[in-house]
PDB file of all heavy atoms in Angstrom:
ATOM      1  N   LEU A   1     156.694-194.081-120.614  1.00  0.00           N
ATOM      2  CA  LEU A   1     156.838-194.068-122.084  1.00  0.00           C
ATOM      3  C   LEU A   1     156.249-192.826-122.733  1.00  0.00           C
ATOM      4  O   LEU A   1     156.741-192.381-123.769  1.00  0.00           O
ATOM      5  CB  LEU A   1     156.172-195.315-122.672  1.00  0.00           C
ATOM      6  CG  LEU A   1     156.850-196.650-122.375  1.00  0.00           C
ATOM      7  CD1 LEU A   1     156.093-197.807-122.976  1.00  0.00           C
ATOM      8  CD2 LEU A   1     158.299-196.676-122.871  1.00  0.00           C
ATOM      9  N   VAL A   2     155.202-192.281-122.147  1.00  0.00           N
ATOM     10  CA  VAL A   2     154.592-191.036-122.695  1.00  0.00           C
ATOM     11  C   VAL A   2     155.611-189.918-122.634  1.00  0.00           C
ATOM     12  O   VAL A   2     155.827-189.196-123.653  1.00  0.00           O
ATOM     13  CB  VAL A   2     153.300-190.676-121.922  1.00  0.00           C
ATOM     14  CG1 VAL A   2     152.794-189.316-122.381  1.00  0.00           C
ATOM     15  CG2 VAL A   2     152.250-191.738-122.083  1.00  0.00           C
ATOM     16  N   TYR A   3     156.252-189.705-121.501  1.00  0.00           N
ATOM     17  CA  TYR A   3     157.250-188.658-121.366  1.00  0.00           C
ATOM     18  C   TYR A   3     158.376-188.843-122.396  1.00  0.00           C
ATOM     19  O   TYR A   3     158.757-187.917-123.089  1.00  0.00           O
ATOM     20  CB  TYR A   3     157.841-188.650-119.936  1.00  0.00           C
ATOM     21  CG  TYR A   3     159.031-187.723-119.797  1.00  0.00           C
ATOM     22  CD1 TYR A   3     158.892-186.367-119.611  1.00  0.00           C
ATOM     23  CD2 TYR A   3     160.340-188.221-119.891  1.00  0.00           C
ATOM     24  CE1 TYR A   3     159.981-185.522-119.490  1.00  0.00           C
ATOM     25  CE2 TYR A   3     161.421-187.416-119.807  1.00  0.00           C
ATOM     26  CZ  TYR A   3     161.257-186.056-119.572  1.00  0.00           C
ATOM     27  OH  TYR A   3     162.354-185.234-119.487  1.00  0.00           O
ATOM     28  N   TRP A   4     158.902-190.080-122.496  1.00  0.00           N
ATOM     29  CA  TRP A   4     160.084-190.317-123.290  1.00  0.00           C
ATOM     30  C   TRP A   4     159.777-190.251-124.773  1.00  0.00           C
ATOM     31  O   TRP A   4     160.593-189.777-125.573  1.00  0.00           O
ATOM     32  CB  TRP A   4     160.725-191.634-122.919  1.00  0.00           C
ATOM     33  CG  TRP A   4     161.464-191.520-121.616  1.00  0.00           C
ATOM     34  CD1 TRP A   4     161.091-191.985-120.431  1.00  0.00           C
ATOM     35  CD2 TRP A   4     162.696-190.806-121.403  1.00  0.00           C
ATOM     36  NE1 TRP A   4     161.985-191.621-119.449  1.00  0.00           N
ATOM     37  CE2 TRP A   4     162.971-190.889-120.022  1.00  0.00           C
ATOM     38  CE3 TRP A   4     163.561-190.087-122.226  1.00  0.00           C
ATOM     39  CZ2 TRP A   4     164.081-190.307-119.443  1.00  0.00           C
ATOM     40  CZ3 TRP A   4     164.674-189.515-121.666  1.00  0.00           C
ATOM     41  CH2 TRP A   4     164.951-189.602-120.301  1.00  0.00           C
ATOM     42  N   SER A   5     158.635-190.716-125.189  1.00  0.00           N
ATOM     43  CA  SER A   5     158.284-190.674-126.626  1.00  0.00           C
ATOM     44  C   SER A   5     158.082-189.228-127.057  1.00  0.00           C
ATOM     45  O   SER A   5     158.500-188.819-128.146  1.00  0.00           O
ATOM     46  CB  SER A   5     157.053-191.507-126.933  1.00  0.00           C
ATOM     47  OG  SER A   5     155.925-191.048-126.193  1.00  0.00           O
ATOM     48  N   GLN A   6     157.412-188.409-126.210  1.00  0.00           N
ATOM     49  CA  GLN A   6     157.222-186.992-126.538  1.00  0.00           C
ATOM     50  C   GLN A   6     158.541-186.216-126.539  1.00  0.00           C
ATOM     51  O   GLN A   6     158.759-185.388-127.401  1.00  0.00           O
ATOM     52  CB  GLN A   6     156.227-186.373-125.548  1.00  0.00           C
ATOM     53  CG  GLN A   6     154.791-186.904-125.732  1.00  0.00           C
ATOM     54  CD  GLN A   6     153.827-186.278-124.776  1.00  0.00           C
ATOM     55  OE1 GLN A   6     154.232-185.577-123.830  1.00  0.00           O
ATOM     56  NE2 GLN A   6     152.534-186.515-124.970  1.00  0.00           N
ATOM     57  N   ARG A   7     159.392-186.522-125.579  1.00  0.00           N
ATOM     58  CA  ARG A   7     160.710-185.884-125.550  1.00  0.00           C
ATOM     59  C   ARG A   7     161.510-186.234-126.800  1.00  0.00           C
ATOM     60  O   ARG A   7     162.135-185.367-127.429  1.00  0.00           O
ATOM     61  CB  ARG A   7     161.500-186.285-124.270  1.00  0.00           C
ATOM     62  CG  ARG A   7     162.940-185.840-124.344  1.00  0.00           C
ATOM     63  CD  ARG A   7     163.699-186.167-123.100  1.00  0.00           C
ATOM     64  NE  ARG A   7     165.133-186.151-123.340  1.00  0.00           N
ATOM     65  CZ  ARG A   7     165.877-185.076-123.521  1.00  0.00           C
ATOM     66  NH1 ARG A   7     165.316-183.877-123.438  1.00  0.00           N
ATOM     67  NH2 ARG A   7     167.160-185.168-123.732  1.00  0.00           N
ATOM     68  N   ASN A   8     161.500-187.514-127.146  1.00  0.00           N
ATOM     69  CA  ASN A   8     162.273-187.950-128.328  1.00  0.00           C
ATOM     70  C   ASN A   8     161.721-187.263-129.625  1.00  0.00           C
ATOM     71  O   ASN A   8     162.476-186.919-130.507  1.00  0.00           O
ATOM     72  CB  ASN A   8     162.158-189.461-128.501  1.00  0.00           C
ATOM     73  CG  ASN A   8     163.037-190.026-129.601  1.00  0.00           C
ATOM     74  OD1 ASN A   8     164.205-189.683-129.679  1.00  0.00           O
ATOM     75  ND2 ASN A   8     162.467-190.824-130.452  1.00  0.00           N
ATOM     76  N   SER A   9     160.421-187.087-129.634  1.00  0.00           N
ATOM     77  CA  SER A   9     159.834-186.437-130.819  1.00  0.00           C
ATOM     78  C   SER A   9     160.290-184.999-130.981  1.00  0.00           C
ATOM     79  O   SER A   9     160.365-184.498-132.099  1.00  0.00           O
ATOM     80  CB  SER A   9     158.295-186.461-130.685  1.00  0.00           C
ATOM     81  OG  SER A   9     157.823-187.798-130.655  1.00  0.00           O
ATOM     82  N   ARG A  10     160.625-184.332-129.875  1.00  0.00           N
ATOM     83  CA  ARG A  10     161.084-182.931-129.960  1.00  0.00           C
ATOM     84  C   ARG A  10     162.457-182.834-130.607  1.00  0.00           C
ATOM     85  O   ARG A  10     162.852-181.727-131.027  1.00  0.00           O
ATOM     86  CB  ARG A  10     161.163-182.338-128.543  1.00  0.00           C
ATOM     87  CG  ARG A  10     159.788-182.131-127.875  1.00  0.00           C
ATOM     88  CD  ARG A  10     159.963-181.232-126.631  1.00  0.00           C
ATOM     89  NE  ARG A  10     158.798-181.282-125.794  1.00  0.00           N
ATOM     90  CZ  ARG A  10     158.749-181.980-124.653  1.00  0.00           C
ATOM     91  NH1 ARG A  10     159.790-182.653-124.226  1.00  0.00           N
ATOM     92  NH2 ARG A  10     157.665-181.966-123.920  1.00  0.00           N
ATOM     93  N   LEU A  11     163.158-183.927-130.699  1.00  0.00           N
ATOM     94  CA  LEU A  11     164.491-183.870-131.289  1.00  0.00           C
ATOM     95  C   LEU A  11     164.430-183.798-132.810  1.00  0.00           C
ATOM     96  O   LEU A  11     165.445-183.624-133.480  1.00  0.00           O
ATOM     97  CB  LEU A  11     165.301-185.118-130.871  1.00  0.00           C
ATOM     98  CG  LEU A  11     165.497-185.354-129.384  1.00  0.00           C
ATOM     99  CD1 LEU A  11     166.299-186.626-129.135  1.00  0.00           C
ATOM    100  CD2 LEU A  11     166.140-184.141-128.717  1.00  0.00           C
ATOM    101  N   TYR A  12     163.240-183.955-133.367  1.00  0.00           N
ATOM    102  CA  TYR A  12     163.063-183.905-134.804  1.00  0.00           C
ATOM    103  C   TYR A  12     162.309-182.644-135.198  1.00  0.00           C
ATOM    104  O   TYR A  12     161.622-182.044-134.375  1.00  0.00           O
ATOM    105  CB  TYR A  12     162.348-185.156-135.318  1.00  0.00           C
ATOM    106  CG  TYR A  12     163.144-186.416-135.065  1.00  0.00           C
ATOM    107  CD1 TYR A  12     163.004-187.120-133.860  1.00  0.00           C
ATOM    108  CD2 TYR A  12     164.016-186.885-136.014  1.00  0.00           C
ATOM    109  CE1 TYR A  12     163.771-188.268-133.618  1.00  0.00           C
ATOM    110  CE2 TYR A  12     164.769-188.046-135.793  1.00  0.00           C
ATOM    111  CZ  TYR A  12     164.644-188.727-134.597  1.00  0.00           C
ATOM    112  OH  TYR A  12     165.380-189.862-134.375  1.00  0.00           O
ATOM    113  N   SER A  13     162.417-182.289-136.492  1.00  0.00           N
ATOM    114  CA  SER A  13     161.767-181.049-136.924  1.00  0.00           C
ATOM    115  C   SER A  13     161.055-181.279-138.238  1.00  0.00           C
ATOM    116  O   SER A  13     161.153-182.371-138.877  1.00  0.00           O
ATOM    117  CB  SER A  13     162.806-179.962-137.040  1.00  0.00           C
ATOM    118  OG  SER A  13     163.813-180.333-137.995  1.00  0.00           O
ATOM    119  N   ASN A  14     160.336-180.242-138.682  1.00  0.00           N
ATOM    120  CA  ASN A  14     159.687-180.191-139.986  1.00  0.00           C
ATOM    121  C   ASN A  14     158.774-181.419-140.221  1.00  0.00           C
ATOM    122  O   ASN A  14     157.962-181.739-139.413  1.00  0.00           O
ATOM    123  CB  ASN A  14     160.770-180.067-141.103  1.00  0.00           C
ATOM    124  CG  ASN A  14     161.536-178.790-140.937  1.00  0.00           C
ATOM    125  OD1 ASN A  14     161.074-177.815-140.331  1.00  0.00           O
ATOM    126  ND2 ASN A  14     162.752-178.764-141.450  1.00  0.00           N
ATOM    127  N   ALA A  15     158.952-182.089-141.364  1.00  0.00           N
ATOM    128  CA  ALA A  15     158.069-183.168-141.785  1.00  0.00           C
ATOM    129  C   ALA A  15     158.021-184.319-140.756  1.00  0.00           C
ATOM    130  O   ALA A  15     156.942-184.868-140.469  1.00  0.00           O
ATOM    131  CB  ALA A  15     158.446-183.720-143.157  1.00  0.00           C
ATOM    132  N   THR A  16     159.179-184.671-140.204  1.00  0.00           N
ATOM    133  CA  THR A  16     159.236-185.769-139.238  1.00  0.00           C
ATOM    134  C   THR A  16     158.462-185.389-137.973  1.00  0.00           C
ATOM    135  O   THR A  16     157.713-186.178-137.431  1.00  0.00           O
ATOM    136  CB  THR A  16     160.702-186.104-138.871  1.00  0.00           C
ATOM    137  OG1 THR A  16     161.448-186.323-140.061  1.00  0.00           O
ATOM    138  CG2 THR A  16     160.787-187.311-137.963  1.00  0.00           C
ATOM    139  N   SER A  17     158.657-184.148-137.507  1.00  0.00           N
ATOM    140  CA  SER A  17     157.942-183.692-136.323  1.00  0.00           C
ATOM    141  C   SER A  17     156.443-183.687-136.511  1.00  0.00           C
ATOM    142  O   SER A  17     155.691-184.142-135.654  1.00  0.00           O
ATOM    143  CB  SER A  17     158.446-182.294-135.965  1.00  0.00           C
ATOM    144  OG  SER A  17     157.752-181.791-134.834  1.00  0.00           O
ATOM    145  N   GLU A  18     156.020-183.265-137.715  1.00  0.00           N
ATOM    146  CA  GLU A  18     154.591-183.233-137.986  1.00  0.00           C
ATOM    147  C   GLU A  18     153.981-184.619-138.029  1.00  0.00           C
ATOM    148  O   GLU A  18     152.876-184.872-137.543  1.00  0.00           O
ATOM    149  CB  GLU A  18     154.337-182.506-139.306  1.00  0.00           C
ATOM    150  CG  GLU A  18     154.594-181.005-139.238  1.00  0.00           C
ATOM    151  CD  GLU A  18     154.446-180.344-140.596  1.00  0.00           C
ATOM    152  OE1 GLU A  18     153.949-180.976-141.506  1.00  0.00           O
ATOM    153  OE2 GLU A  18     154.826-179.146-140.710  1.00  0.00           O
ATOM    154  N   ALA A  19     154.732-185.563-138.623  1.00  0.00           N
ATOM    155  CA  ALA A  19     154.247-186.945-138.714  1.00  0.00           C
ATOM    156  C   ALA A  19     154.166-187.562-137.300  1.00  0.00           C
ATOM    157  O   ALA A  19     153.223-188.308-137.018  1.00  0.00           O
ATOM    158  CB  ALA A  19     155.170-187.748-139.603  1.00  0.00           C
ATOM    159  N   LEU A  20     155.112-187.271-136.432  1.00  0.00           N
ATOM    160  CA  LEU A  20     155.118-187.807-135.086  1.00  0.00           C
ATOM    161  C   LEU A  20     153.892-187.312-134.293  1.00  0.00           C
ATOM    162  O   LEU A  20     153.257-188.079-133.570  1.00  0.00           O
ATOM    163  CB  LEU A  20     156.420-187.416-134.373  1.00  0.00           C
ATOM    164  CG  LEU A  20     157.683-188.138-134.834  1.00  0.00           C
ATOM    165  CD1 LEU A  20     158.923-187.467-134.273  1.00  0.00           C
ATOM    166  CD2 LEU A  20     157.653-189.587-134.397  1.00  0.00           C
ATOM    167  N   LYS A  21     153.602-186.009-134.431  1.00  0.00           N
ATOM    168  CA  LYS A  21     152.467-185.446-133.733  1.00  0.00           C
ATOM    169  C   LYS A  21     151.162-186.084-134.264  1.00  0.00           C
ATOM    170  O   LYS A  21     150.252-186.413-133.480  1.00  0.00           O
ATOM    171  CB  LYS A  21     152.416-183.951-133.932  1.00  0.00           C
ATOM    172  CG  LYS A  21     153.501-183.201-133.178  1.00  0.00           C
ATOM    173  CD  LYS A  21     153.498-181.714-133.512  1.00  0.00           C
ATOM    174  CE  LYS A  21     154.670-180.982-132.876  1.00  0.00           C
ATOM    175  NZ  LYS A  21     154.696-179.539-133.274  1.00  0.00           N
ATOM    176  N   LYS A  22     151.079-186.261-135.537  1.00  0.00           N
ATOM    177  CA  LYS A  22     149.887-186.873-136.164  1.00  0.00           C
ATOM    178  C   LYS A  22     149.676-188.293-135.650  1.00  0.00           C
ATOM    179  O   LYS A  22     148.562-188.743-135.497  1.00  0.00           O
ATOM    180  CB  LYS A  22     150.056-186.849-137.674  1.00  0.00           C
ATOM    181  CG  LYS A  22     148.909-187.447-138.455  1.00  0.00           C
ATOM    182  CD  LYS A  22     149.186-187.416-139.933  1.00  0.00           C
ATOM    183  CE  LYS A  22     148.141-188.144-140.749  1.00  0.00           C
ATOM    184  NZ  LYS A  22     148.497-188.203-142.198  1.00  0.00           N
ATOM    185  N   GLN A  23     150.783-189.011-135.405  1.00  0.00           N
ATOM    186  CA  GLN A  23     150.709-190.412-134.996  1.00  0.00           C
ATOM    187  C   GLN A  23     150.764-190.554-133.482  1.00  0.00           C
ATOM    188  O   GLN A  23     150.989-191.664-132.944  1.00  0.00           O
ATOM    189  CB  GLN A  23     151.889-191.201-135.607  1.00  0.00           C
ATOM    190  CG  GLN A  23     151.809-191.257-137.129  1.00  0.00           C
ATOM    191  CD  GLN A  23     153.086-191.744-137.777  1.00  0.00           C
ATOM    192  OE1 GLN A  23     153.379-191.419-138.931  1.00  0.00           O
ATOM    193  NE2 GLN A  23     153.908-192.479-137.037  1.00  0.00           N
ATOM    194  N   SER A  24     150.607-189.466-132.739  1.00  0.00           N
ATOM    195  CA  SER A  24     150.662-189.502-131.254  1.00  0.00           C
ATOM    196  C   SER A  24     151.951-190.082-130.763  1.00  0.00           C
ATOM    197  O   SER A  24     151.984-190.860-129.785  1.00  0.00           O
ATOM    198  CB  SER A  24     149.466-190.259-130.695  1.00  0.00           C
ATOM    199  OG  SER A  24     148.272-189.657-131.094  1.00  0.00           O
TER     200      SER A  24
END
């Protein structure tokens, strides 16, 4: 799940990407 959640997060940019990183 760690690999897949991080990979999925890369598909987004800007505000969404920042929020995803903030929420691990």
